[in-house]
Amino acid sequence: MKTIAIALFLGFNFIMTAQDPYLQKGDERAEALAQMILEKYDKELSMGAEQRILFENKLIEFLIREDKIKNLDMSVRDKLKTLTRLLTQETAEMRNILTRPQWRYYKKLKKRYQPVVVEVGKVNH
């Protein structure tokens, strides 16, 4: 029951923040990481200028959402499930930005460039 409640809360939260870009606070780390990821993809996908802008904005949006999930107080298993769903949603939304051949290749590249990672047992020194 707790998992369902968390999933509903996250889903509602994602829908609300995804609809209004002003609700998503800019994150310098996410922007820098998005730029690095974009460069990797662009070498392989040869995106146009408008695609690059849209692709980068989408990356930033999902990196911010990914960070929010990673910082939630939930089990590693639940985080992994939620992150997997988030990355699936990101892949689907990239279809609106990329051409069909680019999107097919993007799906293959994504496993290499954006693997699902959940840190377990952080040690603070």
PDB file of N, CA and C in Angstrom:
ATOM      1  N   MET A   1       0.824  -1.189   0.000  1.00  0.00           N
ATOM      2  CA  MET A   1       0.000   0.000   0.000  1.00  0.00           C
ATOM      3  C   MET A   1       0.867   1.252   0.000  1.00  0.00           C
ATOM      4  N   LYS A   2       1.953   1.210   0.798  1.00  0.00           N
ATOM      5  CA  LYS A   2       2.862   2.356   0.864  1.00  0.00           C
ATOM      6  C   LYS A   2       3.479   2.624  -0.505  1.00  0.00           C
ATOM      7  N   THR A   3       3.844   1.565  -1.221  1.00  0.00           N
ATOM      8  CA  THR A   3       4.451   1.697  -2.543  1.00  0.00           C
ATOM      9  C   THR A   3       3.476   2.336  -3.518  1.00  0.00           C
ATOM     10  N   ILE A   4       2.220   1.946  -3.446  1.00  0.00           N
ATOM     11  CA  ILE A   4       1.202   2.515  -4.332  1.00  0.00           C
ATOM     12  C   ILE A   4       1.024   3.995  -4.033  1.00  0.00           C
ATOM     13  N   ALA A   5       0.987   4.348  -2.760  1.00  0.00           N
ATOM     14  CA  ALA A   5       0.823   5.747  -2.386  1.00  0.00           C
ATOM     15  C   ALA A   5       2.000   6.584  -2.877  1.00  0.00           C
ATOM     16  N   ILE A   6       3.208   6.062  -2.735  1.00  0.00           N
ATOM     17  CA  ILE A   6       4.401   6.774  -3.195  1.00  0.00           C
ATOM     18  C   ILE A   6       4.364   6.925  -4.708  1.00  0.00           C
ATOM     19  N   ALA A   7       3.995   5.856  -5.407  1.00  0.00           N
ATOM     20  CA  ALA A   7       3.937   5.904  -6.871  1.00  0.00           C
ATOM     21  C   ALA A   7       2.911   6.933  -7.344  1.00  0.00           C
ATOM     22  N   LEU A   8       1.755   6.975  -6.690  1.00  0.00           N
ATOM     23  CA  LEU A   8       0.732   7.962  -7.051  1.00  0.00           C
ATOM     24  C   LEU A   8       1.211   9.383  -6.777  1.00  0.00           C
ATOM     25  N   PHE A   9       1.853   9.571  -5.626  1.00  0.00           N
ATOM     26  CA  PHE A   9       2.388  10.892  -5.296  1.00  0.00           C
ATOM     27  C   PHE A   9       3.416  11.326  -6.326  1.00  0.00           C
ATOM     28  N   LEU A  10       4.354  10.433  -6.658  1.00  0.00           N
ATOM     29  CA  LEU A  10       5.390  10.767  -7.633  1.00  0.00           C
ATOM     30  C   LEU A  10       4.794  11.043  -9.007  1.00  0.00           C
ATOM     31  N   GLY A  11       3.844  10.220  -9.413  1.00  0.00           N
ATOM     32  CA  GLY A  11       3.202  10.419 -10.705  1.00  0.00           C
ATOM     33  C   GLY A  11       2.509  11.766 -10.783  1.00  0.00           C
ATOM     34  N   PHE A  12       1.772  12.116  -9.745  1.00  0.00           N
ATOM     35  CA  PHE A  12       1.091  13.404  -9.715  1.00  0.00           C
ATOM     36  C   PHE A  12       2.097  14.548  -9.714  1.00  0.00           C
ATOM     37  N   ASN A  13       3.142  14.401  -8.905  1.00  0.00           N
ATOM     38  CA  ASN A  13       4.178  15.433  -8.827  1.00  0.00           C
ATOM     39  C   ASN A  13       4.863  15.628 -10.175  1.00  0.00           C
ATOM     40  N   PHE A  14       5.167  14.527 -10.864  1.00  0.00           N
ATOM     41  CA  PHE A  14       5.830  14.604 -12.164  1.00  0.00           C
ATOM     42  C   PHE A  14       4.937  15.282 -13.192  1.00  0.00           C
ATOM     43  N   ILE A  15       3.669  14.943 -13.173  1.00  0.00           N
ATOM     44  CA  ILE A  15       2.734  15.544 -14.124  1.00  0.00           C
ATOM     45  C   ILE A  15       2.653  17.045 -13.885  1.00  0.00           C
ATOM     46  N   MET A  16       2.575  17.459 -12.650  1.00  0.00           N
ATOM     47  CA  MET A  16       2.455  18.878 -12.331  1.00  0.00           C
ATOM     48  C   MET A  16       3.717  19.642 -12.718  1.00  0.00           C
ATOM     49  N   THR A  17       4.892  19.112 -12.408  1.00  0.00           N
ATOM     50  CA  THR A  17       6.124  19.831 -12.730  1.00  0.00           C
ATOM     51  C   THR A  17       6.433  19.767 -14.210  1.00  0.00           C
ATOM     52  N   ALA A  18       6.041  18.696 -14.874  1.00  0.00           N
ATOM     53  CA  ALA A  18       6.309  18.574 -16.308  1.00  0.00           C
ATOM     54  C   ALA A  18       5.480  19.564 -17.107  1.00  0.00           C
ATOM     55  N   GLN A  19       4.327  19.938 -16.604  1.00  0.00           N
ATOM     56  CA  GLN A  19       3.447  20.836 -17.333  1.00  0.00           C
ATOM     57  C   GLN A  19       3.915  22.283 -17.276  1.00  0.00           C
ATOM     58  N   ASP A  20       4.608  22.663 -16.203  1.00  0.00           N
ATOM     59  CA  ASP A  20       4.995  24.051 -16.025  1.00  0.00           C
ATOM     60  C   ASP A  20       6.500  24.159 -15.798  1.00  0.00           C
ATOM     61  N   PRO A  21       7.249  24.607 -16.812  1.00  0.00           N
ATOM     62  CA  PRO A  21       8.699  24.676 -16.663  1.00  0.00           C
ATOM     63  C   PRO A  21       9.148  25.631 -15.563  1.00  0.00           C
ATOM     64  N   TYR A  22       8.304  26.565 -15.166  1.00  0.00           N
ATOM     65  CA  TYR A  22       8.677  27.493 -14.101  1.00  0.00           C
ATOM     66  C   TYR A  22       8.689  26.823 -12.735  1.00  0.00           C
ATOM     67  N   LEU A  23       7.996  25.693 -12.609  1.00  0.00           N
ATOM     68  CA  LEU A  23       8.006  24.964 -11.352  1.00  0.00           C
ATOM     69  C   LEU A  23       9.298  24.176 -11.172  1.00  0.00           C
ATOM     70  N   GLN A  24      10.003  23.940 -12.248  1.00  0.00           N
ATOM     71  CA  GLN A  24      11.264  23.222 -12.175  1.00  0.00           C
ATOM     72  C   GLN A  24      12.381  24.227 -12.027  1.00  0.00           C
ATOM     73  N   LYS A  25      13.030  24.197 -10.899  1.00  0.00           N
ATOM     74  CA  LYS A  25      14.110  25.142 -10.649  1.00  0.00           C
ATOM     75  C   LYS A  25      15.325  24.718 -11.452  1.00  0.00           C
ATOM     76  N   GLY A  26      15.989  25.686 -12.054  1.00  0.00           N
ATOM     77  CA  GLY A  26      17.210  25.403 -12.798  1.00  0.00           C
ATOM     78  C   GLY A  26      18.260  24.795 -11.879  1.00  0.00           C
ATOM     79  N   ASP A  27      18.975  23.875 -12.366  1.00  0.00           N
ATOM     80  CA  ASP A  27      19.974  23.177 -11.584  1.00  0.00           C
ATOM     81  C   ASP A  27      21.263  23.175 -12.407  1.00  0.00           C
ATOM     82  N   GLU A  28      22.264  23.883 -11.922  1.00  0.00           N
ATOM     83  CA  GLU A  28      23.513  24.004 -12.678  1.00  0.00           C
ATOM     84  C   GLU A  28      24.166  22.653 -12.933  1.00  0.00           C
ATOM     85  N   ARG A  29      24.112  21.767 -11.946  1.00  0.00           N
ATOM     86  CA  ARG A  29      24.701  20.445 -12.115  1.00  0.00           C
ATOM     87  C   ARG A  29      23.975  19.672 -13.203  1.00  0.00           C
ATOM     88  N   ALA A  30      22.649  19.751 -13.203  1.00  0.00           N
ATOM     89  CA  ALA A  30      21.858  19.060 -14.220  1.00  0.00           C
ATOM     90  C   ALA A  30      22.140  19.653 -15.598  1.00  0.00           C
ATOM     91  N   GLU A  31      22.273  20.963 -15.668  1.00  0.00           N
ATOM     92  CA  GLU A  31      22.558  21.607 -16.952  1.00  0.00           C
ATOM     93  C   GLU A  31      23.921  21.198 -17.492  1.00  0.00           C
ATOM     94  N   ALA A  32      24.924  21.148 -16.616  1.00  0.00           N
ATOM     95  CA  ALA A  32      26.265  20.747 -17.043  1.00  0.00           C
ATOM     96  C   ALA A  32      26.283  19.283 -17.485  1.00  0.00           C
ATOM     97  N   LEU A  33      25.617  18.439 -16.720  1.00  0.00           N
ATOM     98  CA  LEU A  33      25.552  17.019 -17.070  1.00  0.00           C
ATOM     99  C   LEU A  33      24.782  16.815 -18.365  1.00  0.00           C
ATOM    100  N   ALA A  34      23.704  17.556 -18.530  1.00  0.00           N
ATOM    101  CA  ALA A  34      22.914  17.458 -19.770  1.00  0.00           C
ATOM    102  C   ALA A  34      23.762  17.847 -20.974  1.00  0.00           C
ATOM    103  N   GLN A  35      24.582  18.861 -20.824  1.00  0.00           N
ATOM    104  CA  GLN A  35      25.445  19.295 -21.924  1.00  0.00           C
ATOM    105  C   GLN A  35      26.440  18.189 -22.297  1.00  0.00           C
ATOM    106  N   MET A  36      27.018  17.535 -21.281  1.00  0.00           N
ATOM    107  CA  MET A  36      27.962  16.441 -21.545  1.00  0.00           C
ATOM    108  C   MET A  36      27.273  15.272 -22.245  1.00  0.00           C
ATOM    109  N   ILE A  37      26.092  14.918 -21.768  1.00  0.00           N
ATOM    110  CA  ILE A  37      25.343  13.812 -22.361  1.00  0.00           C
ATOM    111  C   ILE A  37      24.930  14.166 -23.788  1.00  0.00           C
ATOM    112  N   LEU A  38      24.478  15.407 -23.980  1.00  0.00           N
ATOM    113  CA  LEU A  38      24.069  15.876 -25.304  1.00  0.00           C
ATOM    114  C   LEU A  38      25.208  15.730 -26.311  1.00  0.00           C
ATOM    115  N   GLU A  39      26.407  16.103 -25.923  1.00  0.00           N
ATOM    116  CA  GLU A  39      27.552  16.020 -26.833  1.00  0.00           C
ATOM    117  C   GLU A  39      27.794  14.574 -27.278  1.00  0.00           C
ATOM    118  N   LYS A  40      27.658  13.631 -26.358  1.00  0.00           N
ATOM    119  CA  LYS A  40      27.833  12.219 -26.707  1.00  0.00           C
ATOM    120  C   LYS A  40      26.788  11.775 -27.732  1.00  0.00           C
ATOM    121  N   TYR A  41      25.532  12.102 -27.445  1.00  0.00           N
ATOM    122  CA  TYR A  41      24.460  11.704 -28.357  1.00  0.00           C
ATOM    123  C   TYR A  41      24.591  12.390 -29.712  1.00  0.00           C
ATOM    124  N   ASP A  42      24.933  13.670 -29.693  1.00  0.00           N
ATOM    125  CA  ASP A  42      24.977  14.425 -30.941  1.00  0.00           C
ATOM    126  C   ASP A  42      26.038  13.881 -31.892  1.00  0.00           C
ATOM    127  N   LYS A  43      27.136  13.383 -31.352  1.00  0.00           N
ATOM    128  CA  LYS A  43      28.167  12.783 -32.204  1.00  0.00           C
ATOM    129  C   LYS A  43      27.614  11.585 -32.964  1.00  0.00           C
ATOM    130  N   GLU A  44      26.697  10.880 -32.350  1.00  0.00           N
ATOM    131  CA  GLU A  44      26.130   9.669 -32.941  1.00  0.00           C
ATOM    132  C   GLU A  44      24.870   9.954 -33.763  1.00  0.00           C
ATOM    133  N   LEU A  45      24.064  10.940 -33.325  1.00  0.00           N
ATOM    134  CA  LEU A  45      22.754  11.168 -33.931  1.00  0.00           C
ATOM    135  C   LEU A  45      22.716  12.327 -34.928  1.00  0.00           C
ATOM    136  N   SER A  46      23.737  13.153 -34.940  1.00  0.00           N
ATOM    137  CA  SER A  46      23.805  14.308 -35.859  1.00  0.00           C
ATOM    138  C   SER A  46      22.510  15.131 -35.830  1.00  0.00           C
ATOM    139  N   MET A  47      22.197  15.665 -34.675  1.00  0.00           N
ATOM    140  CA  MET A  47      20.971  16.441 -34.514  1.00  0.00           C
ATOM    141  C   MET A  47      21.097  17.832 -35.127  1.00  0.00           C
ATOM    142  N   GLY A  48      19.972  18.381 -35.537  1.00  0.00           N
ATOM    143  CA  GLY A  48      19.911  19.753 -36.012  1.00  0.00           C
ATOM    144  C   GLY A  48      19.916  20.703 -34.817  1.00  0.00           C
ATOM    145  N   ALA A  49      20.049  21.994 -35.084  1.00  0.00           N
ATOM    146  CA  ALA A  49      20.130  22.994 -34.017  1.00  0.00           C
ATOM    147  C   ALA A  49      18.894  22.985 -33.114  1.00  0.00           C
ATOM    148  N   GLU A  50      17.714  22.946 -33.717  1.00  0.00           N
ATOM    149  CA  GLU A  50      16.483  22.943 -32.921  1.00  0.00           C
ATOM    150  C   GLU A  50      16.362  21.653 -32.111  1.00  0.00           C
ATOM    151  N   GLN A  51      16.737  20.531 -32.712  1.00  0.00           N
ATOM    152  CA  GLN A  51      16.704  19.253 -31.990  1.00  0.00           C
ATOM    153  C   GLN A  51      17.634  19.302 -30.784  1.00  0.00           C
ATOM    154  N   ARG A  52      18.815  19.883 -30.960  1.00  0.00           N
ATOM    155  CA  ARG A  52      19.782  19.973 -29.856  1.00  0.00           C
ATOM    156  C   ARG A  52      19.188  20.735 -28.673  1.00  0.00           C
ATOM    157  N   ILE A  53      18.536  21.853 -28.959  1.00  0.00           N
ATOM    158  CA  ILE A  53      17.950  22.666 -27.891  1.00  0.00           C
ATOM    159  C   ILE A  53      16.855  21.886 -27.170  1.00  0.00           C
ATOM    160  N   LEU A  54      15.947  21.292 -27.938  1.00  0.00           N
ATOM    161  CA  LEU A  54      14.846  20.528 -27.344  1.00  0.00           C
ATOM    162  C   LEU A  54      15.366  19.317 -26.568  1.00  0.00           C
ATOM    163  N   PHE A  55      16.351  18.632 -27.137  1.00  0.00           N
ATOM    164  CA  PHE A  55      16.938  17.447 -26.518  1.00  0.00           C
ATOM    165  C   PHE A  55      17.596  17.831 -25.189  1.00  0.00           C
ATOM    166  N   GLU A  56      18.363  18.907 -25.193  1.00  0.00           N
ATOM    167  CA  GLU A  56      19.035  19.341 -23.965  1.00  0.00           C
ATOM    168  C   GLU A  56      18.029  19.735 -22.892  1.00  0.00           C
ATOM    169  N   ASN A  57      17.002  20.478 -23.268  1.00  0.00           N
ATOM    170  CA  ASN A  57      15.968  20.865 -22.295  1.00  0.00           C
ATOM    171  C   ASN A  57      15.274  19.643 -21.699  1.00  0.00           C
ATOM    172  N   LYS A  58      15.023  18.652 -22.538  1.00  0.00           N
ATOM    173  CA  LYS A  58      14.380  17.422 -22.054  1.00  0.00           C
ATOM    174  C   LYS A  58      15.323  16.676 -21.104  1.00  0.00           C
ATOM    175  N   LEU A  59      16.611  16.633 -21.445  1.00  0.00           N
ATOM    176  CA  LEU A  59      17.585  15.993 -20.558  1.00  0.00           C
ATOM    177  C   LEU A  59      17.616  16.683 -19.194  1.00  0.00           C
ATOM    178  N   ILE A  60      17.645  18.003 -19.199  1.00  0.00           N
ATOM    179  CA  ILE A  60      17.679  18.752 -17.935  1.00  0.00           C
ATOM    180  C   ILE A  60      16.441  18.441 -17.101  1.00  0.00           C
ATOM    181  N   GLU A  61      15.285  18.461 -17.749  1.00  0.00           N
ATOM    182  CA  GLU A  61      14.025  18.156 -17.056  1.00  0.00           C
ATOM    183  C   GLU A  61      14.093  16.801 -16.365  1.00  0.00           C
ATOM    184  N   PHE A  62      14.549  15.799 -17.088  1.00  0.00           N
ATOM    185  CA  PHE A  62      14.566  14.450 -16.517  1.00  0.00           C
ATOM    186  C   PHE A  62      15.708  14.247 -15.531  1.00  0.00           C
ATOM    187  N   LEU A  63      16.818  14.931 -15.683  1.00  0.00           N
ATOM    188  CA  LEU A  63      17.905  14.830 -14.701  1.00  0.00           C
ATOM    189  C   LEU A  63      17.482  15.414 -13.362  1.00  0.00           C
ATOM    190  N   ILE A  64      16.737  16.508 -13.402  1.00  0.00           N
ATOM    191  CA  ILE A  64      16.222  17.104 -12.169  1.00  0.00           C
ATOM    192  C   ILE A  64      15.251  16.143 -11.495  1.00  0.00           C
ATOM    193  N   ARG A  65      14.369  15.557 -12.282  1.00  0.00           N
ATOM    194  CA  ARG A  65      13.402  14.601 -11.727  1.00  0.00           C
ATOM    195  C   ARG A  65      14.117  13.368 -11.176  1.00  0.00           C
ATOM    196  N   GLU A  66      15.158  12.919 -11.870  1.00  0.00           N
ATOM    197  CA  GLU A  66      15.935  11.765 -11.407  1.00  0.00           C
ATOM    198  C   GLU A  66      16.588  12.064 -10.060  1.00  0.00           C
ATOM    199  N   ASP A  67      17.145  13.249  -9.908  1.00  0.00           N
ATOM    200  CA  ASP A  67      17.760  13.634  -8.630  1.00  0.00           C
ATOM    201  C   ASP A  67      16.729  13.642  -7.503  1.00  0.00           C
ATOM    202  N   LYS A  68      15.539  14.129  -7.798  1.00  0.00           N
ATOM    203  CA  LYS A  68      14.490  14.149  -6.775  1.00  0.00           C
ATOM    204  C   LYS A  68      14.162  12.734  -6.310  1.00  0.00           C
ATOM    205  N   ILE A  69      14.097  11.810  -7.238  1.00  0.00           N
ATOM    206  CA  ILE A  69      13.800  10.417  -6.887  1.00  0.00           C
ATOM    207  C   ILE A  69      14.929   9.833  -6.059  1.00  0.00           C
ATOM    208  N   LYS A  70      16.161  10.077  -6.468  1.00  0.00           N
ATOM    209  CA  LYS A  70      17.316   9.526  -5.745  1.00  0.00           C
ATOM    210  C   LYS A  70      17.391  10.050  -4.314  1.00  0.00           C
ATOM    211  N   ASN A  71      16.841  11.220  -4.067  1.00  0.00           N
ATOM    212  CA  ASN A  71      16.885  11.804  -2.727  1.00  0.00           C
ATOM    213  C   ASN A  71      15.681  11.443  -1.859  1.00  0.00           C
ATOM    214  N   LEU A  72      14.742  10.697  -2.403  1.00  0.00           N
ATOM    215  CA  LEU A  72      13.580  10.280  -1.621  1.00  0.00           C
ATOM    216  C   LEU A  72      13.972   9.210  -0.611  1.00  0.00           C
ATOM    217  N   ASP A  73      13.242   9.172   0.469  1.00  0.00           N
ATOM    218  CA  ASP A  73      13.468   8.163   1.504  1.00  0.00           C
ATOM    219  C   ASP A  73      12.620   6.938   1.169  1.00  0.00           C
ATOM    220  N   MET A  74      13.179   6.067   0.335  1.00  0.00           N
ATOM    221  CA  MET A  74      12.488   4.845  -0.050  1.00  0.00           C
ATOM    222  C   MET A  74      13.526   3.757  -0.266  1.00  0.00           C
ATOM    223  N   SER A  75      13.084   2.544  -0.352  1.00  0.00           N
ATOM    224  CA  SER A  75      14.010   1.425  -0.524  1.00  0.00           C
ATOM    225  C   SER A  75      14.711   1.519  -1.880  1.00  0.00           C
ATOM    226  N   VAL A  76      15.856   0.867  -1.970  1.00  0.00           N
ATOM    227  CA  VAL A  76      16.617   0.846  -3.210  1.00  0.00           C
ATOM    228  C   VAL A  76      15.780   0.207  -4.314  1.00  0.00           C
ATOM    229  N   ARG A  77      15.058  -0.830  -3.959  1.00  0.00           N
ATOM    230  CA  ARG A  77      14.212  -1.521  -4.943  1.00  0.00           C
ATOM    231  C   ARG A  77      13.153  -0.578  -5.521  1.00  0.00           C
ATOM    232  N   ASP A  78      12.497   0.193  -4.635  1.00  0.00           N
ATOM    233  CA  ASP A  78      11.473   1.125  -5.091  1.00  0.00           C
ATOM    234  C   ASP A  78      12.074   2.259  -5.921  1.00  0.00           C
ATOM    235  N   LYS A  79      13.250   2.727  -5.516  1.00  0.00           N
ATOM    236  CA  LYS A  79      13.925   3.764  -6.294  1.00  0.00           C
ATOM    237  C   LYS A  79      14.264   3.251  -7.687  1.00  0.00           C
ATOM    238  N   LEU A  80      14.765   2.034  -7.748  1.00  0.00           N
ATOM    239  CA  LEU A  80      15.133   1.453  -9.039  1.00  0.00           C
ATOM    240  C   LEU A  80      13.916   1.324  -9.944  1.00  0.00           C
ATOM    241  N   LYS A  81      12.808   0.865  -9.398  1.00  0.00           N
ATOM    242  CA  LYS A  81      11.575   0.751 -10.186  1.00  0.00           C
ATOM    243  C   LYS A  81      11.108   2.119 -10.678  1.00  0.00           C
ATOM    244  N   THR A  82      11.137   3.100  -9.783  1.00  0.00           N
ATOM    245  CA  THR A  82      10.673   4.433 -10.138  1.00  0.00           C
ATOM    246  C   THR A  82      11.592   5.069 -11.175  1.00  0.00           C
ATOM    247  N   LEU A  83      12.899   4.899 -11.011  1.00  0.00           N
ATOM    248  CA  LEU A  83      13.856   5.438 -11.984  1.00  0.00           C
ATOM    249  C   LEU A  83      13.697   4.772 -13.340  1.00  0.00           C
ATOM    250  N   THR A  84      13.451   3.485 -13.345  1.00  0.00           N
ATOM    251  CA  THR A  84      13.256   2.764 -14.604  1.00  0.00           C
ATOM    252  C   THR A  84      12.031   3.299 -15.336  1.00  0.00           C
ATOM    253  N   ARG A  85      10.958   3.542 -14.595  1.00  0.00           N
ATOM    254  CA  ARG A  85       9.747   4.129 -15.206  1.00  0.00           C
ATOM    255  C   ARG A  85      10.022   5.534 -15.734  1.00  0.00           C
ATOM    256  N   LEU A  86      10.781   6.302 -14.968  1.00  0.00           N
ATOM    257  CA  LEU A  86      11.112   7.663 -15.390  1.00  0.00           C
ATOM    258  C   LEU A  86      11.922   7.643 -16.679  1.00  0.00           C
ATOM    259  N   LEU A  87      12.907   6.779 -16.759  1.00  0.00           N
ATOM    260  CA  LEU A  87      13.742   6.709 -17.960  1.00  0.00           C
ATOM    261  C   LEU A  87      12.968   6.175 -19.157  1.00  0.00           C
ATOM    262  N   THR A  88      12.003   5.329 -18.914  1.00  0.00           N
ATOM    263  CA  THR A  88      11.128   4.864 -19.988  1.00  0.00           C
ATOM    264  C   THR A  88      10.294   6.030 -20.515  1.00  0.00           C
ATOM    265  N   GLN A  89       9.812   6.855 -19.602  1.00  0.00           N
ATOM    266  CA  GLN A  89       9.033   8.035 -20.000  1.00  0.00           C
ATOM    267  C   GLN A  89       9.922   9.000 -20.784  1.00  0.00           C
ATOM    268  N   GLU A  90      11.165   9.179 -20.339  1.00  0.00           N
ATOM    269  CA  GLU A  90      12.085  10.065 -21.052  1.00  0.00           C
ATOM    270  C   GLU A  90      12.309   9.568 -22.479  1.00  0.00           C
ATOM    271  N   THR A  91      12.526   8.276 -22.628  1.00  0.00           N
ATOM    272  CA  THR A  91      12.728   7.693 -23.959  1.00  0.00           C
ATOM    273  C   THR A  91      11.523   7.950 -24.852  1.00  0.00           C
ATOM    274  N   ALA A  92      10.343   7.783 -24.301  1.00  0.00           N
ATOM    275  CA  ALA A  92       9.119   8.017 -25.082  1.00  0.00           C
ATOM    276  C   ALA A  92       9.012   9.476 -25.501  1.00  0.00           C
ATOM    277  N   GLU A  93       9.347  10.392 -24.616  1.00  0.00           N
ATOM    278  CA  GLU A  93       9.238  11.814 -24.945  1.00  0.00           C
ATOM    279  C   GLU A  93      10.295  12.257 -25.951  1.00  0.00           C
ATOM    280  N   MET A  94      11.427  11.584 -25.978  1.00  0.00           N
ATOM    281  CA  MET A  94      12.461  11.917 -26.968  1.00  0.00           C
ATOM    282  C   MET A  94      11.984  11.592 -28.383  1.00  0.00           C
ATOM    283  N   ARG A  95      11.002  10.724 -28.475  1.00  0.00           N
ATOM    284  CA  ARG A  95      10.452  10.366 -29.792  1.00  0.00           C
ATOM    285  C   ARG A  95       9.831  11.579 -30.478  1.00  0.00           C
ATOM    286  N   ASN A  96       9.366  12.541 -29.672  1.00  0.00           N
ATOM    287  CA  ASN A  96       8.790  13.765 -30.225  1.00  0.00           C
ATOM    288  C   ASN A  96       9.852  14.737 -30.743  1.00  0.00           C
ATOM    289  N   ILE A  97      11.087  14.504 -30.386  1.00  0.00           N
ATOM    290  CA  ILE A  97      12.186  15.403 -30.762  1.00  0.00           C
ATOM    291  C   ILE A  97      13.003  14.832 -31.913  1.00  0.00           C
ATOM    292  N   LEU A  98      13.228  13.542 -31.886  1.00  0.00           N
ATOM    293  CA  LEU A  98      14.096  12.890 -32.862  1.00  0.00           C
ATOM    294  C   LEU A  98      13.308  12.306 -34.034  1.00  0.00           C
ATOM    295  N   THR A  99      14.001  12.128 -35.149  1.00  0.00           N
ATOM    296  CA  THR A  99      13.384  11.415 -36.268  1.00  0.00           C
ATOM    297  C   THR A  99      13.295   9.939 -35.893  1.00  0.00           C
ATOM    298  N   ARG A 100      12.528   9.177 -36.619  1.00  0.00           N
ATOM    299  CA  ARG A 100      12.380   7.761 -36.307  1.00  0.00           C
ATOM    300  C   ARG A 100      13.723   7.016 -36.300  1.00  0.00           C
ATOM    301  N   PRO A 101      14.581   7.181 -37.330  1.00  0.00           N
ATOM    302  CA  PRO A 101      15.882   6.491 -37.290  1.00  0.00           C
ATOM    303  C   PRO A 101      16.768   6.966 -36.124  1.00  0.00           C
ATOM    304  N   GLN A 102      16.728   8.272 -35.856  1.00  0.00           N
ATOM    305  CA  GLN A 102      17.506   8.779 -34.725  1.00  0.00           C
ATOM    306  C   GLN A 102      16.999   8.185 -33.425  1.00  0.00           C
ATOM    307  N   TRP A 103      15.691   8.125 -33.241  1.00  0.00           N
ATOM    308  CA  TRP A 103      15.111   7.620 -31.997  1.00  0.00           C
ATOM    309  C   TRP A 103      15.446   6.148 -31.787  1.00  0.00           C
ATOM    310  N   ARG A 104      15.402   5.365 -32.851  1.00  0.00           N
ATOM    311  CA  ARG A 104      15.757   3.940 -32.731  1.00  0.00           C
ATOM    312  C   ARG A 104      17.198   3.785 -32.271  1.00  0.00           C
ATOM    313  N   TYR A 105      18.083   4.591 -32.849  1.00  0.00           N
ATOM    314  CA  TYR A 105      19.498   4.525 -32.480  1.00  0.00           C
ATOM    315  C   TYR A 105      19.701   5.078 -31.066  1.00  0.00           C
ATOM    316  N   TYR A 106      18.965   6.116 -30.710  1.00  0.00           N
ATOM    317  CA  TYR A 106      19.009   6.699 -29.369  1.00  0.00           C
ATOM    318  C   TYR A 106      18.690   5.642 -28.307  1.00  0.00           C
ATOM    319  N   LYS A 107      17.682   4.823 -28.558  1.00  0.00           N
ATOM    320  CA  LYS A 107      17.302   3.788 -27.593  1.00  0.00           C
ATOM    321  C   LYS A 107      18.464   2.825 -27.335  1.00  0.00           C
ATOM    322  N   LYS A 108      19.221   2.510 -28.370  1.00  0.00           N
ATOM    323  CA  LYS A 108      20.380   1.627 -28.204  1.00  0.00           C
ATOM    324  C   LYS A 108      21.499   2.332 -27.440  1.00  0.00           C
ATOM    325  N   LEU A 109      21.725   3.602 -27.768  1.00  0.00           N
ATOM    326  CA  LEU A 109      22.793   4.369 -27.130  1.00  0.00           C
ATOM    327  C   LEU A 109      22.499   4.673 -25.666  1.00  0.00           C
ATOM    328  N   LYS A 110      21.237   4.814 -25.332  1.00  0.00           N
ATOM    329  CA  LYS A 110      20.848   5.221 -23.989  1.00  0.00           C
ATOM    330  C   LYS A 110      21.354   4.258 -22.923  1.00  0.00           C
ATOM    331  N   LYS A 111      21.391   2.992 -23.224  1.00  0.00           N
ATOM    332  CA  LYS A 111      21.883   2.003 -22.257  1.00  0.00           C
ATOM    333  C   LYS A 111      23.341   2.272 -21.891  1.00  0.00           C
ATOM    334  N   ARG A 112      24.085   2.792 -22.856  1.00  0.00           N
ATOM    335  CA  ARG A 112      25.504   3.091 -22.631  1.00  0.00           C
ATOM    336  C   ARG A 112      25.683   4.461 -21.975  1.00  0.00           C
ATOM    337  N   TYR A 113      24.951   5.453 -22.434  1.00  0.00           N
ATOM    338  CA  TYR A 113      25.148   6.830 -21.982  1.00  0.00           C
ATOM    339  C   TYR A 113      24.371   7.197 -20.721  1.00  0.00           C
ATOM    340  N   GLN A 114      23.259   6.513 -20.469  1.00  0.00           N
ATOM    341  CA  GLN A 114      22.421   6.843 -19.320  1.00  0.00           C
ATOM    342  C   GLN A 114      21.927   5.585 -18.603  1.00  0.00           C
ATOM    343  N   PRO A 115      22.826   4.805 -18.043  1.00  0.00           N
ATOM    344  CA  PRO A 115      22.373   3.605 -17.326  1.00  0.00           C
ATOM    345  C   PRO A 115      21.628   3.992 -16.043  1.00  0.00           C
ATOM    346  N   VAL A 116      20.751   3.117 -15.586  1.00  0.00           N
ATOM    347  CA  VAL A 116      20.030   3.357 -14.337  1.00  0.00           C
ATOM    348  C   VAL A 116      20.990   3.034 -13.198  1.00  0.00           C
ATOM    349  N   VAL A 117      21.228   4.030 -12.327  1.00  0.00           N
ATOM    350  CA  VAL A 117      22.174   3.855 -11.228  1.00  0.00           C
ATOM    351  C   VAL A 117      21.517   4.314  -9.931  1.00  0.00           C
ATOM    352  N   VAL A 118      21.575   3.450  -8.920  1.00  0.00           N
ATOM    353  CA  VAL A 118      21.102   3.799  -7.591  1.00  0.00           C
ATOM    354  C   VAL A 118      22.246   3.502  -6.628  1.00  0.00           C
ATOM    355  N   GLU A 119      22.657   4.518  -5.873  1.00  0.00           N
ATOM    356  CA  GLU A 119      23.750   4.334  -4.922  1.00  0.00           C
ATOM    357  C   GLU A 119      23.221   3.621  -3.684  1.00  0.00           C
ATOM    358  N   VAL A 120      23.964   2.616  -3.251  1.00  0.00           N
ATOM    359  CA  VAL A 120      23.584   1.843  -2.082  1.00  0.00           C
ATOM    360  C   VAL A 120      24.657   2.029  -1.033  1.00  0.00           C
ATOM    361  N   GLY A 121      24.247   2.342   0.178  1.00  0.00           N
ATOM    362  CA  GLY A 121      25.176   2.419   1.294  1.00  0.00           C
ATOM    363  C   GLY A 121      26.250   3.487   1.152  1.00  0.00           C
ATOM    364  N   LYS A 122      25.830   4.739   0.948  1.00  0.00           N
ATOM    365  CA  LYS A 122      26.790   5.828   0.893  1.00  0.00           C
ATOM    366  C   LYS A 122      27.544   5.915   2.214  1.00  0.00           C
ATOM    367  N   VAL A 123      28.820   6.170   2.110  1.00  0.00           N
ATOM    368  CA  VAL A 123      29.637   6.346   3.305  1.00  0.00           C
ATOM    369  C   VAL A 123      30.110   7.788   3.322  1.00  0.00           C
ATOM    370  N   ASN A 124      29.756   8.495   4.375  1.00  0.00           N
ATOM    371  CA  ASN A 124      30.191   9.883   4.510  1.00  0.00           C
ATOM    372  C   ASN A 124      31.409   9.934   5.409  1.00  0.00           C
ATOM    373  N   HIS A 125      32.452  10.551   4.912  1.00  0.00           N
ATOM    374  CA  HIS A 125      33.681  10.671   5.714  1.00  0.00           C
ATOM    375  C   HIS A 125      33.780  12.044   6.294  1.00  0.00           C
TER     376      HIS A 125
END
